[in-house]
Amino acid sequence: MDNVAEELTRSFLSISRKTVVGQFWPRICACLESLTDEQVWWRPNESSNSVGNLLLHLNGNLRQWILSGLGGEKDVRDRDSEFEERGPIPVSDLRARLEATIGAVDMTLSGLTATDLLKKRSIQTSKEVSGLDAVYHVTEHFAMHYGQILYITKMLADKDLGFYTYLTKKRA
């Protein structure tokens, strides 16, 4: 590959890693610090997920799409169980599991090349997934559920989480 392709690869992977590992994950951790185990398993109705289910689901998605799909680990995901779980798995356990997975995902992404991003593979039910597709999917998917976790936390804690105070204009 030429230098432009490698630079584009480094840039894409760097942005993806910074977004999931450097921005979304620390904010999810801040949410978990303000929630009790009971609140982590609270759900507004049976059609909605709890924060606990979302953490299990993010862990499964990252493992399947990145660690298995791009990193070559065996795919052992049981997606249905991520949503069927009703707890009480302690917050500390959920956090430790996802933190370990995110660390492994970060390592996997740091080693990918332009060739890896262009290579087609089978992931989940998709037969022709490029590495680029997989990283983009995981980043987008993580963002969606990250937003749900923030929303649930704000609702249960009844406070602004302060993640965007730097954007607020100070009024005299």
Protein backbone atom coordinates (compact mmCIF):
# COMPACT_ATOMS: atom_id res chain seq x y z
CA MET A 1 0.00 0.00 0.00
CA ASP A 2 1.11 3.53 -0.59
CA ASN A 3 1.81 6.14 2.09
CA VAL A 4 -1.55 7.87 1.62
CA ALA A 5 -3.46 4.64 2.27
CA GLU A 6 -1.40 3.93 5.38
CA GLU A 7 -1.89 7.49 6.68
CA LEU A 8 -5.62 7.26 6.04
CA THR A 9 -5.69 3.92 7.86
CA ARG A 10 -3.81 5.33 10.87
CA SER A 11 -6.09 8.36 10.98
CA PHE A 12 -9.34 6.35 10.72
CA LEU A 13 -8.25 3.89 13.39
CA SER A 14 -6.95 6.65 15.66
CA ILE A 15 -10.26 8.53 15.48
CA SER A 16 -12.23 5.33 16.08
CA ARG A 17 -10.08 4.37 19.08
CA LYS A 18 -10.19 7.89 20.57
CA THR A 19 -13.97 7.96 20.22
CA VAL A 20 -14.75 4.60 21.81
CA VAL A 21 -11.83 4.20 24.22
CA GLY A 22 -10.98 7.81 25.01
CA GLN A 23 -14.39 9.48 25.02
CA PHE A 24 -17.35 7.10 25.26
CA TRP A 25 -15.87 4.56 27.68
CA PRO A 26 -14.74 7.08 30.37
CA ARG A 27 -18.16 8.72 30.25
CA ILE A 28 -19.92 5.38 30.62
CA CYS A 29 -17.68 4.72 33.63
CA ALA A 30 -18.74 8.07 35.11
CA CYS A 31 -22.36 7.04 34.64
CA LEU A 32 -21.75 3.71 36.36
CA GLU A 33 -20.20 5.51 39.34
CA SER A 34 -23.45 7.39 39.88
CA LEU A 35 -25.75 4.35 39.58
CA THR A 36 -26.53 1.63 42.11
CA ASP A 37 -26.66 -2.03 41.12
CA GLU A 38 -30.45 -1.79 41.29
CA GLN A 39 -30.50 1.23 38.96
CA VAL A 40 -28.19 -0.52 36.48
CA TRP A 41 -30.82 -3.25 36.10
CA TRP A 42 -33.83 -0.88 36.05
CA ARG A 43 -35.83 -0.74 32.85
CA PRO A 44 -38.78 1.51 32.01
CA ASN A 45 -40.70 -1.41 30.49
CA GLU A 46 -40.15 -4.93 29.17
CA SER A 47 -39.54 -3.64 25.64
CA SER A 48 -36.57 -1.56 26.77
CA ASN A 49 -33.09 -2.48 27.93
CA SER A 50 -31.43 -1.75 31.23
CA VAL A 51 -27.95 -0.26 31.46
CA GLY A 52 -26.82 -3.75 32.51
CA ASN A 53 -28.20 -5.27 29.32
CA LEU A 54 -26.59 -2.54 27.24
CA LEU A 55 -23.20 -3.21 28.85
CA LEU A 56 -23.51 -6.94 28.15
CA HIS A 57 -24.60 -6.16 24.61
CA LEU A 58 -21.72 -3.76 23.94
CA ASN A 59 -19.30 -6.37 25.26
CA GLY A 60 -20.76 -9.05 22.98
CA ASN A 61 -20.76 -6.77 19.95
CA LEU A 62 -17.14 -5.68 20.46
CA ARG A 63 -16.00 -9.26 20.97
CA GLN A 64 -17.85 -10.56 17.90
CA TRP A 65 -17.08 -7.78 15.43
CA ILE A 66 -13.54 -6.81 16.44
CA LEU A 67 -11.90 -9.53 18.53
CA SER A 68 -13.39 -12.39 16.52
CA GLY A 69 -14.15 -10.71 13.19
CA LEU A 70 -10.88 -8.81 12.83
CA GLY A 71 -8.66 -10.35 15.51
CA GLY A 72 -9.29 -14.00 14.78
CA GLU A 73 -10.61 -15.07 18.20
CA LYS A 74 -13.29 -17.75 18.29
CA ASP A 75 -16.82 -16.30 18.12
CA VAL A 76 -18.67 -17.55 21.20
CA ARG A 77 -21.32 -14.83 21.40
CA ASP A 78 -24.81 -15.60 22.69
CA ARG A 79 -26.55 -12.38 21.65
CA ASP A 80 -29.97 -13.34 23.00
CA SER A 81 -28.61 -13.81 26.52
CA GLU A 82 -27.34 -10.20 26.52
CA PHE A 83 -30.98 -9.04 26.46
CA GLU A 84 -32.53 -11.84 28.53
CA GLU A 85 -30.33 -11.17 31.58
CA ARG A 86 -32.17 -9.50 34.47
CA GLY A 87 -29.30 -9.36 36.95
CA PRO A 88 -28.17 -8.85 39.50
CA ILE A 89 -24.69 -8.98 38.01
CA PRO A 90 -22.84 -6.36 40.08
CA VAL A 91 -21.85 -3.12 38.33
CA SER A 92 -18.21 -3.81 39.19
CA ASP A 93 -18.32 -7.12 37.29
CA LEU A 94 -20.04 -5.61 34.25
CA ARG A 95 -17.54 -2.78 34.18
CA ALA A 96 -14.52 -5.09 34.56
CA ARG A 97 -15.71 -7.35 31.73
CA LEU A 98 -16.28 -4.49 29.32
CA GLU A 99 -13.05 -2.75 30.34
CA ALA A 100 -11.06 -5.91 29.55
CA THR A 101 -12.80 -6.24 26.19
CA ILE A 102 -12.24 -2.57 25.33
CA GLY A 103 -8.54 -2.98 26.16
CA ALA A 104 -8.29 -5.99 23.85
CA VAL A 105 -10.22 -4.16 21.11
CA ASP A 106 -7.88 -1.18 21.40
CA MET A 107 -4.87 -3.48 20.99
CA THR A 108 -6.45 -5.19 17.98
CA LEU A 109 -7.30 -1.90 16.29
CA SER A 110 -3.81 -0.53 16.93
CA GLY A 111 -2.33 -3.37 14.88
CA LEU A 112 -4.57 -3.20 11.80
CA THR A 113 -3.24 -2.23 8.39
CA ALA A 114 -4.86 -0.83 5.26
CA THR A 115 -4.93 -4.37 3.89
CA ASP A 116 -6.79 -5.55 7.01
CA LEU A 117 -9.38 -2.80 6.56
CA LEU A 118 -10.01 -3.81 2.94
CA LYS A 119 -10.14 -7.57 3.51
CA LYS A 120 -13.63 -9.13 3.35
CA ARG A 121 -14.80 -11.57 6.02
CA SER A 122 -17.96 -13.06 7.53
CA ILE A 123 -19.16 -11.45 10.76
CA GLN A 124 -22.46 -12.25 12.46
CA THR A 125 -24.89 -12.79 9.56
CA SER A 126 -22.98 -10.66 7.05
CA LYS A 127 -20.81 -12.48 4.51
CA GLU A 128 -18.87 -9.65 2.84
CA VAL A 129 -17.79 -7.34 5.65
CA SER A 130 -14.61 -5.33 5.19
CA GLY A 131 -12.50 -4.40 8.18
CA LEU A 132 -13.48 -0.79 7.48
CA ASP A 133 -17.16 -1.78 7.69
CA ALA A 134 -16.55 -3.62 10.96
CA VAL A 135 -14.75 -0.73 12.69
CA TYR A 136 -17.32 1.78 11.45
CA HIS A 137 -20.19 -0.48 12.56
CA VAL A 138 -18.75 -0.95 16.04
CA THR A 139 -18.07 2.76 16.53
CA GLU A 140 -21.59 3.70 15.41
CA HIS A 141 -23.19 0.91 17.43
CA PHE A 142 -21.25 1.85 20.55
CA ALA A 143 -22.29 5.51 20.08
CA MET A 144 -25.96 4.59 19.92
CA HIS A 145 -25.93 2.56 23.13
CA TYR A 146 -23.59 5.04 24.83
CA GLY A 147 -26.30 7.66 24.27
CA GLN A 148 -28.93 5.37 25.78
CA ILE A 149 -26.78 4.80 28.86
CA LEU A 150 -26.28 8.55 29.28
CA TYR A 151 -30.01 9.19 28.89
CA ILE A 152 -30.98 6.54 31.45
CA THR A 153 -28.35 7.85 33.87
CA LYS A 154 -29.54 11.45 33.52
CA MET A 155 -33.11 10.32 34.07
CA LEU A 156 -32.32 8.24 37.18
CA ALA A 157 -29.81 10.70 38.66
CA ASP A 158 -31.93 13.74 37.74
CA LYS A 159 -28.87 15.81 36.90
CA ASP A 160 -26.76 17.02 34.03
CA LEU A 161 -23.72 14.78 33.70
CA GLY A 162 -21.51 17.76 32.82
CA PHE A 163 -19.87 16.23 29.75
CA TYR A 164 -20.55 19.27 27.56
CA THR A 165 -20.25 22.18 29.99
CA TYR A 166 -17.32 23.50 27.98
CA LEU A 167 -19.81 24.32 25.21
CA THR A 168 -22.09 26.40 27.42
CA LYS A 169 -21.79 30.13 26.98
CA LYS A 170 -21.24 31.98 30.23
CA ARG A 171 -23.81 34.71 30.70
CA ALA A 172 -22.78 37.91 32.48
